Each structure stands twice: as C-alpha cells, then as structure tokens.
PDB file of N, CA and C in Angstrom:
ATOM      1  N   UNK A   1      93.661   5.262 108.420  1.00  0.00           N
ATOM      2  CA  UNK A   1      93.854   6.037 107.060  1.00  0.00           C
ATOM      3  C   UNK A   1      92.317   6.259 107.231  1.00  0.00           C
ATOM      4  N   UNK A   2      91.878   7.225 107.055  1.00  0.00           N
ATOM      5  CA  UNK A   2      90.352   7.602 106.825  1.00  0.00           C
ATOM      6  C   UNK A   2      89.947   7.677 106.162  1.00  0.00           C
ATOM      7  N   UNK A   3      88.487   7.332 104.984  1.00  0.00           N
ATOM      8  CA  UNK A   3      88.545   7.791 103.608  1.00  0.00           C
ATOM      9  C   UNK A   3      86.700   8.902 103.630  1.00  0.00           C
ATOM     10  N   UNK A   4      86.711   9.313 102.849  1.00  0.00           N
ATOM     11  CA  UNK A   4      85.195   9.962 102.972  1.00  0.00           C
ATOM     12  C   UNK A   4      84.808   9.842 101.745  1.00  0.00           C
ATOM     13  N   UNK A   5      82.957   9.404 101.908  1.00  0.00           N
ATOM     14  CA  UNK A   5      82.714   8.559 100.179  1.00  0.00           C
ATOM     15  C   UNK A   5      81.703   9.800  99.883  1.00  0.00           C
ATOM     16  N   UNK A   6      81.841   9.893  98.445  1.00  0.00           N
ATOM     17  CA  UNK A   6      81.638  11.087  97.840  1.00  0.00           C
ATOM     18  C   UNK A   6      80.595  10.325  96.268  1.00  0.00           C
ATOM     19  N   UNK A   7      79.692  11.292  96.453  1.00  0.00           N
ATOM     20  CA  UNK A   7      78.850  11.038  95.095  1.00  0.00           C
ATOM     21  C   UNK A   7      77.977  11.877  94.322  1.00  0.00           C
ATOM     22  N   UNK A   8      78.169  11.211  92.910  1.00  0.00           N
ATOM     23  CA  UNK A   8      77.645  11.988  91.577  1.00  0.00           C
ATOM     24  C   UNK A   8      76.237  11.305  91.443  1.00  0.00           C
ATOM     25  N   UNK A   9      75.038  12.142  91.693  1.00  0.00           N
ATOM     26  CA  UNK A   9      74.187  11.477  91.928  1.00  0.00           C
ATOM     27  C   UNK A   9      72.599  12.323  91.242  1.00  0.00           C
ATOM     28  N   UNK A  10      71.804  11.943  90.992  1.00  0.00           N
ATOM     29  CA  UNK A  10      70.341  12.475  90.948  1.00  0.00           C
ATOM     30  C   UNK A  10      69.571  11.897  89.923  1.00  0.00           C
ATOM     31  N   UNK A  11      68.335  12.631  89.221  1.00  0.00           N
ATOM     32  CA  UNK A  11      67.643  12.407  88.686  1.00  0.00           C
ATOM     33  C   UNK A  11      67.676  13.547  87.820  1.00  0.00           C
ATOM     34  N   UNK A  12      67.657  13.060  86.452  1.00  0.00           N
ATOM     35  CA  UNK A  12      68.303  13.761  84.829  1.00  0.00           C
ATOM     36  C   UNK A  12      67.674  13.315  84.221  1.00  0.00           C
ATOM     37  N   UNK A  13      66.987  14.640  83.180  1.00  0.00           N
ATOM     38  CA  UNK A  13      66.200  14.642  81.960  1.00  0.00           C
ATOM     39  C   UNK A  13      66.508  14.625  80.735  1.00  0.00           C
ATOM     40  N   UNK A  14      66.655  14.140  79.178  1.00  0.00           N
ATOM     41  CA  UNK A  14      68.069  14.013  78.254  1.00  0.00           C
ATOM     42  C   UNK A  14      66.962  14.199  77.305  1.00  0.00           C
ATOM     43  N   UNK A  15      67.913  14.879  75.876  1.00  0.00           N
ATOM     44  CA  UNK A  15      67.224  14.928  75.192  1.00  0.00           C
ATOM     45  C   UNK A  15      68.493  14.186  73.924  1.00  0.00           C
ATOM     46  N   UNK A  16      68.766  13.401  73.608  1.00  0.00           N
ATOM     47  CA  UNK A  16      69.756  12.155  72.826  1.00  0.00           C
ATOM     48  C   UNK A  16      69.784  13.130  71.831  1.00  0.00           C
ATOM     49  N   UNK A  17      71.340  13.665  71.160  1.00  0.00           N
ATOM     50  CA  UNK A  17      71.804  14.288  70.112  1.00  0.00           C
ATOM     51  C   UNK A  17      72.745  12.824  69.461  1.00  0.00           C
ATOM     52  N   UNK A  18      72.415  11.280  69.385  1.00  0.00           N
ATOM     53  CA  UNK A  18      73.514  10.701  69.122  1.00  0.00           C
ATOM     54  C   UNK A  18      73.770   9.668  70.089  1.00  0.00           C
ATOM     55  N   UNK A  19      74.394   8.490  69.647  1.00  0.00           N
ATOM     56  CA  UNK A  19      75.057   7.713  70.532  1.00  0.00           C
ATOM     57  C   UNK A  19      76.365   8.321  70.302  1.00  0.00           C
ATOM     58  N   UNK A  20      77.160   8.398  69.551  1.00  0.00           N
ATOM     59  CA  UNK A  20      78.360   9.571  69.431  1.00  0.00           C
ATOM     60  C   UNK A  20      78.432  10.754  69.662  1.00  0.00           C
ATOM     61  N   UNK A  21      77.560  11.124  70.490  1.00  0.00           N
ATOM     62  CA  UNK A  21      77.134  12.202  71.095  1.00  0.00           C
ATOM     63  C   UNK A  21      77.013  12.053  72.553  1.00  0.00           C
ATOM     64  N   UNK A  22      78.261  11.895  73.329  1.00  0.00           N
ATOM     65  CA  UNK A  22      77.812  12.331  74.853  1.00  0.00           C
ATOM     66  C   UNK A  22      77.600  13.869  75.321  1.00  0.00           C
ATOM     67  N   UNK A  23      76.485  14.140  76.372  1.00  0.00           N
ATOM     68  CA  UNK A  23      76.086  15.813  76.502  1.00  0.00           C
ATOM     69  C   UNK A  23      76.234  15.441  77.966  1.00  0.00           C
ATOM     70  N   UNK A  24      76.840  16.257  78.649  1.00  0.00           N
ATOM     71  CA  UNK A  24      77.021  16.816  80.593  1.00  0.00           C
ATOM     72  C   UNK A  24      75.196  16.966  80.751  1.00  0.00           C
ATOM     73  N   UNK A  25      74.849  16.577  81.143  1.00  0.00           N
ATOM     74  CA  UNK A  25      73.691  17.216  81.670  1.00  0.00           C
ATOM     75  C   UNK A  25      73.092  18.015  83.348  1.00  0.00           C
ATOM     76  N   UNK A  26      74.170  17.874  84.165  1.00  0.00           N
ATOM     77  CA  UNK A  26      74.001  19.161  85.296  1.00  0.00           C
ATOM     78  C   UNK A  26      75.641  18.693  85.692  1.00  0.00           C
ATOM     79  N   UNK A  27      75.867  20.157  86.625  1.00  0.00           N
ATOM     80  CA  UNK A  27      77.501  20.589  87.203  1.00  0.00           C
ATOM     81  C   UNK A  27      77.289  19.662  88.203  1.00  0.00           C
ATOM     82  N   UNK A  28      76.433  19.083  88.947  1.00  0.00           N
ATOM     83  CA  UNK A  28      76.247  18.093  89.718  1.00  0.00           C
ATOM     84  C   UNK A  28      77.045  16.915  89.334  1.00  0.00           C
ATOM     85  N   UNK A  29      76.858  16.327  88.415  1.00  0.00           N
ATOM     86  CA  UNK A  29      77.803  15.353  88.057  1.00  0.00           C
ATOM     87  C   UNK A  29      79.409  15.652  87.596  1.00  0.00           C
ATOM     88  N   UNK A  30      79.780  16.373  88.013  1.00  0.00           N
ATOM     89  CA  UNK A  30      81.391  16.775  87.866  1.00  0.00           C
ATOM     90  C   UNK A  30      82.015  16.735  89.093  1.00  0.00           C
ATOM     91  N   UNK A  31      83.314  16.335  89.324  1.00  0.00           N
ATOM     92  CA  UNK A  31      84.353  16.411  90.988  1.00  0.00           C
ATOM     93  C   UNK A  31      85.702  16.644  90.576  1.00  0.00           C
ATOM     94  N   UNK A  32      85.831  17.086  91.345  1.00  0.00           N
ATOM     95  CA  UNK A  32      87.160  17.566  91.421  1.00  0.00           C
ATOM     96  C   UNK A  32      87.877  16.768  92.461  1.00  0.00           C
ATOM     97  N   UNK A  33      89.096  16.359  92.468  1.00  0.00           N
ATOM     98  CA  UNK A  33      89.253  15.694  93.622  1.00  0.00           C
ATOM     99  C   UNK A  33      89.919  16.756  94.132  1.00  0.00           C
ATOM    100  N   UNK A  34      90.191  16.597  95.280  1.00  0.00           N
ATOM    101  CA  UNK A  34      90.709  17.741  96.748  1.00  0.00           C
ATOM    102  C   UNK A  34      92.239  17.973  96.207  1.00  0.00           C
ATOM    103  N   UNK A  35      92.603  18.765  97.191  1.00  0.00           N
ATOM    104  CA  UNK A  35      94.460  18.745  96.934  1.00  0.00           C
ATOM    105  C   UNK A  35      94.693  17.957  97.508  1.00  0.00           C
ATOM    106  N   UNK A  36      95.945  17.074  98.162  1.00  0.00           N
ATOM    107  CA  UNK A  36      96.535  16.488  99.321  1.00  0.00           C
ATOM    108  C   UNK A  36      95.864  15.068  99.244  1.00  0.00           C
ATOM    109  N   UNK A  37      94.436  14.676  98.560  1.00  0.00           N
ATOM    110  CA  UNK A  37      93.651  13.755  98.561  1.00  0.00           C
ATOM    111  C   UNK A  37      94.040  12.805  97.413  1.00  0.00           C
ATOM    112  N   UNK A  38      93.821  11.315  97.436  1.00  0.00           N
ATOM    113  CA  UNK A  38      93.546  10.482  96.305  1.00  0.00           C
ATOM    114  C   UNK A  38      92.043  10.425  96.397  1.00  0.00           C
ATOM    115  N   UNK A  39      91.385   9.794  95.080  1.00  0.00           N
ATOM    116  CA  UNK A  39      90.300   9.338  95.206  1.00  0.00           C
ATOM    117  C   UNK A  39      90.188   8.061  94.047  1.00  0.00           C
ATOM    118  N   UNK A  40      88.998   7.518  94.441  1.00  0.00           N
ATOM    119  CA  UNK A  40      88.930   6.275  93.418  1.00  0.00           C
ATOM    120  C   UNK A  40      87.777   5.687  93.213  1.00  0.00           C
ATOM    121  N   UNK A  41      86.723   5.345  92.037  1.00  0.00           N
ATOM    122  CA  UNK A  41      85.603   5.250  91.629  1.00  0.00           C
ATOM    123  C   UNK A  41      85.046   3.556  92.244  1.00  0.00           C
ATOM    124  N   UNK A  42      84.201   3.578  92.797  1.00  0.00           N
ATOM    125  CA  UNK A  42      84.093   2.061  93.454  1.00  0.00           C
ATOM    126  C   UNK A  42      83.047   1.290  93.103  1.00  0.00           C
ATOM    127  N   UNK A  43      81.519   2.424  92.419  1.00  0.00           N
ATOM    128  CA  UNK A  43      80.899   1.755  91.450  1.00  0.00           C
ATOM    129  C   UNK A  43      79.886   2.613  90.799  1.00  0.00           C
ATOM    130  N   UNK A  44      79.167   2.190  89.868  1.00  0.00           N
ATOM    131  CA  UNK A  44      77.939   3.341  89.623  1.00  0.00           C
ATOM    132  C   UNK A  44      77.118   1.745  89.092  1.00  0.00           C
ATOM    133  N   UNK A  45      75.613   3.336  89.248  1.00  0.00           N
ATOM    134  CA  UNK A  45      73.871   2.061  89.333  1.00  0.00           C
ATOM    135  C   UNK A  45      73.541   3.488  88.180  1.00  0.00           C
ATOM    136  N   UNK A  46      72.751   3.009  87.126  1.00  0.00           N
ATOM    137  CA  UNK A  46      72.485   3.917  86.508  1.00  0.00           C
ATOM    138  C   UNK A  46      70.491   3.446  86.303  1.00  0.00           C
ATOM    139  N   UNK A  47      69.603   3.955  85.929  1.00  0.00           N
ATOM    140  CA  UNK A  47      68.260   3.604  85.611  1.00  0.00           C
ATOM    141  C   UNK A  47      68.183   3.921  84.035  1.00  0.00           C
ATOM    142  N   UNK A  48      67.148   3.755  83.383  1.00  0.00           N
ATOM    143  CA  UNK A  48      66.922   4.470  81.817  1.00  0.00           C
ATOM    144  C   UNK A  48      65.539   4.473  81.629  1.00  0.00           C
ATOM    145  N   UNK A  49      65.501   5.333  81.393  1.00  0.00           N
ATOM    146  CA  UNK A  49      63.150   5.641  81.166  1.00  0.00           C
ATOM    147  C   UNK A  49      62.584   5.415  79.943  1.00  0.00           C
ATOM    148  N   UNK A  50      63.881   5.058  79.240  1.00  0.00           N
ATOM    149  CA  UNK A  50      63.551   5.416  77.714  1.00  0.00           C
ATOM    150  C   UNK A  50      63.649   3.909  76.874  1.00  0.00           C
ATOM    151  N   UNK A  51      62.886   4.429  76.390  1.00  0.00           N
ATOM    152  CA  UNK A  51      62.666   2.879  75.150  1.00  0.00           C
ATOM    153  C   UNK A  51      64.017   2.448  74.011  1.00  0.00           C
ATOM    154  N   UNK A  52      65.092   3.362  74.441  1.00  0.00           N
ATOM    155  CA  UNK A  52      66.345   2.812  73.434  1.00  0.00           C
ATOM    156  C   UNK A  52      67.298   2.689  74.418  1.00  0.00           C
ATOM    157  N   UNK A  53      68.178   1.893  74.214  1.00  0.00           N
ATOM    158  CA  UNK A  53      69.516   1.794  75.058  1.00  0.00           C
ATOM    159  C   UNK A  53      70.201   3.057  74.921  1.00  0.00           C
ATOM    160  N   UNK A  54      70.906   3.507  75.664  1.00  0.00           N
ATOM    161  CA  UNK A  54      71.497   5.112  76.497  1.00  0.00           C
ATOM    162  C   UNK A  54      72.889   4.093  77.081  1.00  0.00           C
ATOM    163  N   UNK A  55      73.968   5.160  77.144  1.00  0.00           N
ATOM    164  CA  UNK A  55      74.946   4.967  77.823  1.00  0.00           C
ATOM    165  C   UNK A  55      75.908   5.843  78.314  1.00  0.00           C
ATOM    166  N   UNK A  56      75.852   6.107  79.724  1.00  0.00           N
ATOM    167  CA  UNK A  56      76.445   6.901  80.917  1.00  0.00           C
ATOM    168  C   UNK A  56      77.983   6.418  80.252  1.00  0.00           C
ATOM    169  N   UNK A  57      78.974   7.951  80.020  1.00  0.00           N
ATOM    170  CA  UNK A  57      80.796   7.897  80.188  1.00  0.00           C
ATOM    171  C   UNK A  57      80.473   8.693  81.541  1.00  0.00           C
ATOM    172  N   UNK A  58      81.864   8.144  82.033  1.00  0.00           N
ATOM    173  CA  UNK A  58      82.379   8.908  83.290  1.00  0.00           C
ATOM    174  C   UNK A  58      83.664   8.872  82.436  1.00  0.00           C
ATOM    175  N   UNK A  59      84.168  10.306  82.544  1.00  0.00           N
ATOM    176  CA  UNK A  59      85.043  11.198  81.816  1.00  0.00           C
ATOM    177  C   UNK A  59      86.153  11.230  82.727  1.00  0.00           C
ATOM    178  N   UNK A  60      87.948  11.446  82.668  1.00  0.00           N
ATOM    179  CA  UNK A  60      88.511  12.123  83.507  1.00  0.00           C
ATOM    180  C   UNK A  60      89.748  12.627  82.851  1.00  0.00           C
ATOM    181  N   UNK A  61      89.168  13.581  83.471  1.00  0.00           N
ATOM    182  CA  UNK A  61      90.341  15.429  82.542  1.00  0.00           C
ATOM    183  C   UNK A  61      89.355  15.380  80.948  1.00  0.00           C
ATOM    184  N   UNK A  62      88.527  15.191  80.648  1.00  0.00           N
ATOM    185  CA  UNK A  62      88.082  15.323  79.445  1.00  0.00           C
ATOM    186  C   UNK A  62      88.079  14.208  78.694  1.00  0.00           C
ATOM    187  N   UNK A  63      88.440  12.566  78.618  1.00  0.00           N
ATOM    188  CA  UNK A  63      88.763  11.802  78.444  1.00  0.00           C
ATOM    189  C   UNK A  63      88.215  10.732  78.845  1.00  0.00           C
ATOM    190  N   UNK A  64      87.232   9.899  77.855  1.00  0.00           N
ATOM    191  CA  UNK A  64      86.510   8.362  78.101  1.00  0.00           C
ATOM    192  C   UNK A  64      87.347   7.590  79.505  1.00  0.00           C
ATOM    193  N   UNK A  65      86.638   7.713  79.977  1.00  0.00           N
ATOM    194  CA  UNK A  65      87.332   6.583  81.292  1.00  0.00           C
ATOM    195  C   UNK A  65      86.464   5.140  81.391  1.00  0.00           C
ATOM    196  N   UNK A  66      85.412   5.244  81.284  1.00  0.00           N
ATOM    197  CA  UNK A  66      84.295   4.170  81.185  1.00  0.00           C
ATOM    198  C   UNK A  66      82.814   4.601  81.157  1.00  0.00           C
ATOM    199  N   UNK A  67      82.308   3.474  80.263  1.00  0.00           N
ATOM    200  CA  UNK A  67      81.486   3.398  80.047  1.00  0.00           C
ATOM    201  C   UNK A  67      80.181   2.589  80.038  1.00  0.00           C
ATOM    202  N   UNK A  68      79.120   2.802  80.374  1.00  0.00           N
ATOM    203  CA  UNK A  68      78.111   2.068  81.387  1.00  0.00           C
ATOM    204  C   UNK A  68      77.215   2.086  80.755  1.00  0.00           C
ATOM    205  N   UNK A  69      76.700   1.079  79.351  1.00  0.00           N
ATOM    206  CA  UNK A  69      75.484   0.997  79.125  1.00  0.00           C
ATOM    207  C   UNK A  69      74.273   0.513  79.991  1.00  0.00           C
ATOM    208  N   UNK A  70      72.894   1.193  79.245  1.00  0.00           N
ATOM    209  CA  UNK A  70      71.791   0.803  80.511  1.00  0.00           C
ATOM    210  C   UNK A  70      70.841   0.659  78.982  1.00  0.00           C
ATOM    211  N   UNK A  71      70.002  -0.525  79.954  1.00  0.00           N
ATOM    212  CA  UNK A  71      69.279  -0.986  78.005  1.00  0.00           C
ATOM    213  C   UNK A  71      67.853   0.050  78.588  1.00  0.00           C
ATOM    214  N   UNK A  72      67.088  -0.440  77.485  1.00  0.00           N
ATOM    215  CA  UNK A  72      65.597   0.517  77.244  1.00  0.00           C
ATOM    216  C   UNK A  72      64.421  -0.030  78.650  1.00  0.00           C
ATOM    217  N   UNK A  73      64.708   1.303  78.780  1.00  0.00           N
ATOM    218  CA  UNK A  73      63.504   0.606  80.500  1.00  0.00           C
ATOM    219  C   UNK A  73      64.175  -0.217  81.471  1.00  0.00           C
ATOM    220  N   UNK A  74      65.586   0.081  82.225  1.00  0.00           N
ATOM    221  CA  UNK A  74      66.423  -0.999  82.734  1.00  0.00           C
ATOM    222  C   UNK A  74      66.933  -0.250  83.257  1.00  0.00           C
ATOM    223  N   UNK A  75      67.934  -0.873  84.291  1.00  0.00           N
ATOM    224  CA  UNK A  75      68.775  -0.469  85.377  1.00  0.00           C
ATOM    225  C   UNK A  75      70.239  -1.361  86.011  1.00  0.00           C
ATOM    226  N   UNK A  76      71.837  -0.641  86.171  1.00  0.00           N
ATOM    227  CA  UNK A  76      72.414  -1.269  86.157  1.00  0.00           C
ATOM    228  C   UNK A  76      73.365  -1.080  87.266  1.00  0.00           C
ATOM    229  N   UNK A  77      74.175  -2.053  88.040  1.00  0.00           N
ATOM    230  CA  UNK A  77      74.808  -2.409  88.903  1.00  0.00           C
ATOM    231  C   UNK A  77      76.072  -2.572  89.128  1.00  0.00           C
ATOM    232  N   UNK A  78      77.074  -1.724  88.228  1.00  0.00           N
ATOM    233  CA  UNK A  78      78.560  -2.116  88.797  1.00  0.00           C
ATOM    234  C   UNK A  78      79.417  -1.894  89.525  1.00  0.00           C
ATOM    235  N   UNK A  79      79.756  -3.020  90.319  1.00  0.00           N
ATOM    236  CA  UNK A  79      80.750  -2.530  90.910  1.00  0.00           C
ATOM    237  C   UNK A  79      82.087  -2.669  90.619  1.00  0.00           C
ATOM    238  N   UNK A  80      82.756  -1.469  90.880  1.00  0.00           N
ATOM    239  CA  UNK A  80      84.021  -1.637  89.998  1.00  0.00           C
ATOM    240  C   UNK A  80      85.214  -1.958  90.408  1.00  0.00           C
ATOM    241  N   UNK A  81      85.583  -3.384  89.268  1.00  0.00           N
ATOM    242  CA  UNK A  81      86.759  -4.576  90.112  1.00  0.00           C
ATOM    243  C   UNK A  81      88.033  -3.500  90.385  1.00  0.00           C
ATOM    244  N   UNK A  82      88.373  -3.375  88.931  1.00  0.00           N
ATOM    245  CA  UNK A  82      89.014  -2.635  88.663  1.00  0.00           C
ATOM    246  C   UNK A  82      89.194  -1.035  88.695  1.00  0.00           C
ATOM    247  N   UNK A  83      89.266  -0.607  90.267  1.00  0.00           N
ATOM    248  CA  UNK A  83      89.894   0.968  90.619  1.00  0.00           C
ATOM    249  C   UNK A  83      90.867   1.169  89.866  1.00  0.00           C
ATOM    250  N   UNK A  84      91.335   2.358  89.690  1.00  0.00           N
ATOM    251  CA  UNK A  84      92.377   3.019  89.361  1.00  0.00           C
ATOM    252  C   UNK A  84      92.330   4.782  90.483  1.00  0.00           C
ATOM    253  N   UNK A  85      93.631   4.735  91.055  1.00  0.00           N
ATOM    254  CA  UNK A  85      93.783   6.311  91.863  1.00  0.00           C
ATOM    255  C   UNK A  85      93.203   7.669  90.831  1.00  0.00           C
ATOM    256  N   UNK A  86      92.718   8.538  91.483  1.00  0.00           N
ATOM    257  CA  UNK A  86      92.576   9.499  90.910  1.00  0.00           C
ATOM    258  C   UNK A  86      93.833  10.757  91.370  1.00  0.00           C
ATOM    259  N   UNK A  87      94.160  11.112  91.061  1.00  0.00           N
ATOM    260  CA  UNK A  87      95.361  12.397  92.125  1.00  0.00           C
ATOM    261  C   UNK A  87      94.630  13.701  92.439  1.00  0.00           C
ATOM    262  N   UNK A  88      94.987  14.667  93.229  1.00  0.00           N
ATOM    263  CA  UNK A  88      94.469  15.380  93.208  1.00  0.00           C
ATOM    264  C   UNK A  88      94.399  16.279  91.758  1.00  0.00           C
ATOM    265  N   UNK A  89      93.183  16.967  91.895  1.00  0.00           N
ATOM    266  CA  UNK A  89      93.111  18.025  90.764  1.00  0.00           C
ATOM    267  C   UNK A  89      92.564  16.881  89.432  1.00  0.00           C
ATOM    268  N   UNK A  90      92.346  15.956  89.390  1.00  0.00           N
ATOM    269  CA  UNK A  90      91.704  15.345  88.809  1.00  0.00           C
ATOM    270  C   UNK A  90      90.062  15.463  88.715  1.00  0.00           C
ATOM    271  N   UNK A  91      89.972  15.764  87.724  1.00  0.00           N
ATOM    272  CA  UNK A  91      88.197  16.360  87.284  1.00  0.00           C
ATOM    273  C   UNK A  91      87.968  14.273  86.698  1.00  0.00           C
ATOM    274  N   UNK A  92      86.471  14.332  87.179  1.00  0.00           N
ATOM    275  CA  UNK A  92      85.408  13.496  86.648  1.00  0.00           C
ATOM    276  C   UNK A  92      84.596  13.840  86.307  1.00  0.00           C
ATOM    277  N   UNK A  93      83.583  13.138  85.317  1.00  0.00           N
ATOM    278  CA  UNK A  93      82.107  13.857  85.255  1.00  0.00           C
ATOM    279  C   UNK A  93      81.455  12.549  84.635  1.00  0.00           C
ATOM    280  N   UNK A  94      80.362  13.067  84.755  1.00  0.00           N
ATOM    281  CA  UNK A  94      79.540  11.864  84.323  1.00  0.00           C
ATOM    282  C   UNK A  94      78.582  12.283  83.226  1.00  0.00           C
ATOM    283  N   UNK A  95      78.625  11.864  81.633  1.00  0.00           N
ATOM    284  CA  UNK A  95      77.625  12.086  80.658  1.00  0.00           C
ATOM    285  C   UNK A  95      76.808  10.881  80.064  1.00  0.00           C
ATOM    286  N   UNK A  96      75.939  11.726  79.798  1.00  0.00           N
ATOM    287  CA  UNK A  96      74.952  10.366  78.738  1.00  0.00           C
ATOM    288  C   UNK A  96      74.710  10.630  77.237  1.00  0.00           C
ATOM    289  N   UNK A  97      74.844   9.605  76.765  1.00  0.00           N
ATOM    290  CA  UNK A  97      74.228   9.414  75.056  1.00  0.00           C
ATOM    291  C   UNK A  97      72.655   8.560  74.919  1.00  0.00           C
ATOM    292  N   UNK A  98      72.370   9.009  74.131  1.00  0.00           N
ATOM    293  CA  UNK A  98      71.091   8.717  73.311  1.00  0.00           C
ATOM    294  C   UNK A  98      71.121   8.984  72.289  1.00  0.00           C
ATOM    295  N   UNK A  99      70.636   7.878  71.671  1.00  0.00           N
ATOM    296  CA  UNK A  99      69.939   7.868  70.082  1.00  0.00           C
ATOM    297  C   UNK A  99      69.309   9.628  70.057  1.00  0.00           C
ATOM    298  N   UNK A 100      69.257   9.745  68.466  1.00  0.00           N
ATOM    299  CA  UNK A 100      69.453  11.437  68.152  1.00  0.00           C
ATOM    300  C   UNK A 100      67.456  11.133  68.379  1.00  0.00           C
ATOM    301  N   UNK A 101      66.880  12.093  69.216  1.00  0.00           N
ATOM    302  CA  UNK A 101      65.475  11.847  69.598  1.00  0.00           C
ATOM    303  C   UNK A 101      65.008  11.225  70.441  1.00  0.00           C
ATOM    304  N   UNK A 102      65.706  10.846  70.631  1.00  0.00           N
ATOM    305  CA  UNK A 102      65.315  10.077  72.347  1.00  0.00           C
ATOM    306  C   UNK A 102      65.032  10.873  73.628  1.00  0.00           C
ATOM    307  N   UNK A 103      64.051  11.194  74.099  1.00  0.00           N
ATOM    308  CA  UNK A 103      63.931  11.977  75.136  1.00  0.00           C
ATOM    309  C   UNK A 103      63.453  10.706  76.154  1.00  0.00           C
ATOM    310  N   UNK A 104      64.498  11.282  77.764  1.00  0.00           N
ATOM    311  CA  UNK A 104      63.872  10.586  78.816  1.00  0.00           C
ATOM    312  C   UNK A 104      64.731  11.236  79.955  1.00  0.00           C
ATOM    313  N   UNK A 105      64.701  10.089  80.716  1.00  0.00           N
ATOM    314  CA  UNK A 105      65.008  10.686  82.633  1.00  0.00           C
ATOM    315  C   UNK A 105      66.258   8.984  82.695  1.00  0.00           C
ATOM    316  N   UNK A 106      67.062   9.613  83.169  1.00  0.00           N
ATOM    317  CA  UNK A 106      68.649   8.739  83.898  1.00  0.00           C
ATOM    318  C   UNK A 106      68.497   9.124  85.403  1.00  0.00           C
ATOM    319  N   UNK A 107      68.679   8.148  86.456  1.00  0.00           N
ATOM    320  CA  UNK A 107      68.380   7.781  87.569  1.00  0.00           C
ATOM    321  C   UNK A 107      70.306   7.533  87.499  1.00  0.00           C
ATOM    322  N   UNK A 108      70.765   8.112  88.345  1.00  0.00           N
ATOM    323  CA  UNK A 108      72.732   8.267  88.654  1.00  0.00           C
ATOM    324  C   UNK A 108      72.413   8.461  89.347  1.00  0.00           C
ATOM    325  N   UNK A 109      73.873   7.306  89.824  1.00  0.00           N
ATOM    326  CA  UNK A 109      74.626   7.053  91.236  1.00  0.00           C
ATOM    327  C   UNK A 109      75.978   6.607  90.937  1.00  0.00           C
ATOM    328  N   UNK A 110      77.270   7.482  90.793  1.00  0.00           N
ATOM    329  CA  UNK A 110      78.200   7.534  91.041  1.00  0.00           C
ATOM    330  C   UNK A 110      79.268   7.569  92.437  1.00  0.00           C
ATOM    331  N   UNK A 111      79.635   6.342  92.797  1.00  0.00           N
ATOM    332  CA  UNK A 111      80.246   5.955  94.532  1.00  0.00           C
ATOM    333  C   UNK A 111      81.529   6.100  94.351  1.00  0.00           C
ATOM    334  N   UNK A 112      82.338   7.621  94.944  1.00  0.00           N
ATOM    335  CA  UNK A 112      83.768   7.503  94.618  1.00  0.00           C
ATOM    336  C   UNK A 112      83.861   7.655  96.302  1.00  0.00           C
ATOM    337  N   UNK A 113      84.982   7.029  96.484  1.00  0.00           N
ATOM    338  CA  UNK A 113      85.344   7.316  97.621  1.00  0.00           C
ATOM    339  C   UNK A 113      87.213   7.836  98.249  1.00  0.00           C
ATOM    340  N   UNK A 114      87.257   8.895  99.053  1.00  0.00           N
ATOM    341  CA  UNK A 114      88.574  10.156  98.962  1.00  0.00           C
ATOM    342  C   UNK A 114      89.271   9.304 100.616  1.00  0.00           C
ATOM    343  N   UNK A 115      90.020   9.036  99.544  1.00  0.00           N
ATOM    344  CA  UNK A 115      91.534   8.525 101.009  1.00  0.00           C
ATOM    345  C   UNK A 115      93.239   9.996 101.366  1.00  0.00           C
TER     346      UNK A 115
END
C-alpha cells in the first residue's frame, strides 16, 4: 500500500479577535481528502511570535477536531498518537484564535498522509 505525505504549512500574520473567535488565515490551510483515498493527520508543529497565548484549531468538515495551544513566543510539536481516518471528501482546515487586539505571526506545519 502506497502512502503520500501532504502538508498544510506556512508563515501567516494574524490579528486576534478573541480566543472564542478562531479565524481562517489562508486558503492553503485547507485540504480535501481526494476521492478513493483515506487520510490521517500525523503531527502538528506550530510557532507563535506574539506575547500572548494563541491556539490553532484543526477543523474537520467545519467542526473542531483538535486544539493546539501555543504559548507566548513559543513553539510546539505534537505527534498525534490518536489518529482517525478521514474519508474521501472530508475537508480539514487550520484556523487561529488569539486575544482581541493581539497581532503576531504563526508558523504552522500539519502533516497528513494519504493512503
């Protein structure tokens, strides 16, 4: 069985609207599992340049799937031990939430594998 790695990654500026208000950052942080394949998320890495706690929200078909908090001026690496199959047509997306008035930059890298 052949697997293909996929990544949602990049460096993105943000302006926080509140920790209860995650916002999409860029269209490149959205992925749809192709027809005939299954995908799994395998890790998350993120960095935060701001002086406040932020979090990255992984959505599955618009619903929260995982929350990744990132401390002020900090970075995290989260190997995902609990993986779930994402069926063909499933849409995953990364969004960021930060306290209102907080501006910064996040470095994001979500690793997926298609099987």
